[in-house]
């Protein structure tokens, strides 16, 4: 039972760390092109990762929820 709890905590920690790693890699998205619907890459990439982060944080919260 404790191994399963520890495994869930590790997976939740990894899921929560992914967006922060992506956000701190500024040179990877600090550009204007390609544009999407007139929005520079920087803006639509950040908006896309906002949605992805919500999903990852929700999964992590589900894994950490007490049953």
N, C-alpha and C. Protein backbone atom coordinates (compact mmCIF):
# COMPACT_ATOMS: atom_id res chain seq x y z
N UNK A 1 0.83 -1.20 0.00
CA UNK A 1 0.00 0.00 0.00
C UNK A 1 0.86 1.25 0.00
N UNK A 2 1.92 1.27 0.82
CA UNK A 2 2.76 2.47 0.88
C UNK A 2 3.51 2.68 -0.42
N UNK A 3 3.90 1.60 -1.10
CA UNK A 3 4.58 1.76 -2.38
C UNK A 3 3.67 2.42 -3.40
N UNK A 4 2.41 2.07 -3.38
CA UNK A 4 1.45 2.67 -4.31
C UNK A 4 1.26 4.15 -4.01
N UNK A 5 1.23 4.50 -2.74
CA UNK A 5 1.09 5.91 -2.36
C UNK A 5 2.33 6.68 -2.81
N UNK A 6 3.50 6.12 -2.58
CA UNK A 6 4.73 6.79 -3.00
C UNK A 6 4.80 6.92 -4.52
N UNK A 7 4.38 5.90 -5.24
CA UNK A 7 4.37 5.95 -6.70
C UNK A 7 3.43 7.04 -7.19
N UNK A 8 2.26 7.15 -6.58
CA UNK A 8 1.31 8.22 -6.96
C UNK A 8 1.91 9.59 -6.69
N UNK A 9 2.60 9.76 -5.59
CA UNK A 9 3.21 11.05 -5.27
C UNK A 9 4.31 11.39 -6.27
N UNK A 10 5.09 10.41 -6.66
CA UNK A 10 6.16 10.64 -7.64
C UNK A 10 5.57 11.03 -8.99
N UNK A 11 4.56 10.30 -9.42
CA UNK A 11 3.92 10.62 -10.71
C UNK A 11 3.28 12.00 -10.66
N UNK A 12 2.61 12.33 -9.57
CA UNK A 12 1.99 13.65 -9.43
C UNK A 12 3.05 14.74 -9.45
N UNK A 13 4.17 14.50 -8.79
CA UNK A 13 5.26 15.48 -8.79
C UNK A 13 5.83 15.70 -10.18
N UNK A 14 5.98 14.64 -10.94
CA UNK A 14 6.48 14.76 -12.31
C UNK A 14 5.48 15.53 -13.17
N UNK A 15 4.20 15.20 -13.03
CA UNK A 15 3.18 15.90 -13.81
C UNK A 15 3.15 17.39 -13.48
N UNK A 16 3.39 17.74 -12.22
CA UNK A 16 3.36 19.14 -11.83
C UNK A 16 4.65 19.87 -12.23
N UNK A 17 5.74 19.14 -12.40
CA UNK A 17 7.01 19.76 -12.77
C UNK A 17 7.12 20.05 -14.27
N UNK A 18 6.42 19.27 -15.07
CA UNK A 18 6.52 19.42 -16.54
C UNK A 18 6.22 20.85 -17.00
N UNK A 19 5.09 21.47 -16.60
CA UNK A 19 4.83 22.84 -17.08
C UNK A 19 5.90 23.84 -16.64
N UNK A 20 6.43 23.70 -15.43
CA UNK A 20 7.45 24.63 -14.97
C UNK A 20 8.72 24.51 -15.79
N UNK A 21 9.09 23.29 -16.15
CA UNK A 21 10.27 23.10 -16.99
C UNK A 21 10.05 23.76 -18.35
N UNK A 22 8.87 23.57 -18.91
CA UNK A 22 8.55 24.16 -20.20
C UNK A 22 8.55 25.69 -20.12
N UNK A 23 7.93 26.25 -19.05
CA UNK A 23 7.86 27.70 -18.91
C UNK A 23 9.24 28.34 -18.75
N UNK A 24 10.16 27.64 -18.10
CA UNK A 24 11.49 28.21 -17.87
C UNK A 24 12.43 28.04 -19.06
N UNK A 25 12.01 27.32 -20.09
CA UNK A 25 12.81 27.17 -21.30
C UNK A 25 12.43 28.27 -22.30
N UNK A 26 12.63 29.49 -21.89
CA UNK A 26 12.19 30.66 -22.66
C UNK A 26 12.73 30.71 -24.09
N UNK A 27 13.99 30.41 -24.35
CA UNK A 27 14.45 30.48 -25.75
C UNK A 27 13.68 29.58 -26.70
N UNK A 28 13.04 28.53 -26.21
CA UNK A 28 12.31 27.63 -27.10
C UNK A 28 11.03 28.27 -27.65
N UNK A 29 10.49 29.25 -26.97
CA UNK A 29 9.24 29.86 -27.45
C UNK A 29 9.31 31.38 -27.56
N UNK A 30 10.48 31.95 -27.44
CA UNK A 30 10.64 33.40 -27.54
C UNK A 30 10.84 33.80 -28.99
N UNK A 31 9.78 33.64 -29.79
CA UNK A 31 9.84 34.00 -31.20
C UNK A 31 8.46 34.44 -31.68
N UNK A 32 8.44 35.04 -32.84
CA UNK A 32 7.19 35.58 -33.38
C UNK A 32 6.54 34.58 -34.33
N UNK A 33 7.34 33.92 -35.15
CA UNK A 33 6.79 33.01 -36.17
C UNK A 33 6.94 31.57 -35.72
N UNK A 34 6.04 30.69 -36.02
CA UNK A 34 4.88 30.84 -36.88
C UNK A 34 3.71 31.48 -36.14
N UNK A 35 2.91 32.19 -36.86
CA UNK A 35 1.72 32.80 -36.26
C UNK A 35 0.54 31.85 -36.44
N UNK A 36 -0.44 32.00 -35.58
CA UNK A 36 -1.64 31.18 -35.64
C UNK A 36 -2.83 32.12 -35.46
N UNK A 37 -3.58 32.32 -36.52
CA UNK A 37 -4.72 33.22 -36.46
C UNK A 37 -4.30 34.66 -36.17
N UNK A 38 -3.12 35.04 -36.61
CA UNK A 38 -2.62 36.39 -36.40
C UNK A 38 -1.89 36.57 -35.07
N UNK A 39 -1.91 35.56 -34.22
CA UNK A 39 -1.21 35.65 -32.94
C UNK A 39 0.22 35.15 -33.09
N UNK A 40 1.19 35.89 -32.55
CA UNK A 40 2.57 35.41 -32.60
C UNK A 40 2.73 34.10 -31.83
N UNK A 41 3.73 33.34 -32.20
CA UNK A 41 3.99 32.05 -31.60
C UNK A 41 4.05 32.13 -30.08
N UNK A 42 4.70 33.14 -29.54
CA UNK A 42 4.86 33.29 -28.09
C UNK A 42 3.51 33.23 -27.38
N UNK A 43 2.52 33.93 -27.90
CA UNK A 43 1.22 34.02 -27.22
C UNK A 43 0.40 32.74 -27.34
N UNK A 44 0.33 32.18 -28.55
CA UNK A 44 -0.50 30.98 -28.66
C UNK A 44 0.17 29.78 -28.02
N UNK A 45 1.50 29.75 -27.97
CA UNK A 45 2.22 28.67 -27.28
C UNK A 45 1.96 28.73 -25.78
N UNK A 46 2.00 29.94 -25.21
CA UNK A 46 1.73 30.11 -23.78
C UNK A 46 0.28 29.72 -23.46
N UNK A 47 -0.65 30.11 -24.31
CA UNK A 47 -2.05 29.78 -24.09
C UNK A 47 -2.28 28.27 -24.18
N UNK A 48 -1.64 27.64 -25.13
CA UNK A 48 -1.74 26.19 -25.26
C UNK A 48 -1.21 25.49 -24.01
N UNK A 49 -0.08 25.96 -23.49
CA UNK A 49 0.49 25.34 -22.29
C UNK A 49 -0.32 25.65 -21.04
N UNK A 50 -1.07 26.72 -21.06
CA UNK A 50 -1.97 26.99 -19.94
C UNK A 50 -3.05 25.91 -19.87
N UNK A 51 -3.59 25.54 -21.01
CA UNK A 51 -4.60 24.47 -21.05
C UNK A 51 -3.99 23.12 -20.70
N UNK A 52 -2.81 22.83 -21.23
CA UNK A 52 -2.13 21.57 -20.91
C UNK A 52 -1.79 21.49 -19.43
N UNK A 53 -1.35 22.61 -18.85
CA UNK A 53 -1.02 22.64 -17.42
C UNK A 53 -2.25 22.36 -16.57
N UNK A 54 -3.38 22.88 -16.98
CA UNK A 54 -4.62 22.62 -16.25
C UNK A 54 -4.93 21.13 -16.22
N UNK A 55 -4.75 20.49 -17.35
CA UNK A 55 -5.01 19.05 -17.43
C UNK A 55 -4.02 18.27 -16.56
N UNK A 56 -2.73 18.62 -16.66
CA UNK A 56 -1.71 17.92 -15.87
C UNK A 56 -1.91 18.12 -14.37
N UNK A 57 -2.23 19.35 -13.96
CA UNK A 57 -2.46 19.62 -12.53
C UNK A 57 -3.71 18.90 -12.03
N UNK A 58 -4.73 18.79 -12.89
CA UNK A 58 -5.95 18.08 -12.50
C UNK A 58 -5.68 16.59 -12.29
N UNK A 59 -4.89 16.01 -13.17
CA UNK A 59 -4.53 14.60 -13.02
C UNK A 59 -3.72 14.41 -11.74
N UNK A 60 -2.78 15.32 -11.47
CA UNK A 60 -1.97 15.22 -10.26
C UNK A 60 -2.85 15.34 -9.02
N UNK A 61 -3.80 16.23 -9.04
CA UNK A 61 -4.71 16.39 -7.89
C UNK A 61 -5.55 15.14 -7.70
N UNK A 62 -5.98 14.52 -8.79
CA UNK A 62 -6.74 13.28 -8.70
C UNK A 62 -5.88 12.17 -8.08
N UNK A 63 -4.61 12.11 -8.47
CA UNK A 63 -3.72 11.08 -7.93
C UNK A 63 -3.45 11.29 -6.44
N UNK A 64 -3.43 12.54 -6.00
CA UNK A 64 -3.10 12.84 -4.61
C UNK A 64 -4.32 12.89 -3.70
N UNK A 65 -5.51 12.84 -4.28
CA UNK A 65 -6.74 12.92 -3.48
C UNK A 65 -6.85 11.71 -2.57
N UNK A 66 -7.27 11.95 -1.36
CA UNK A 66 -7.47 10.84 -0.40
C UNK A 66 -8.76 10.12 -0.74
N UNK A 67 -8.71 8.84 -0.66
CA UNK A 67 -9.90 8.05 -0.99
C UNK A 67 -10.50 7.48 0.23
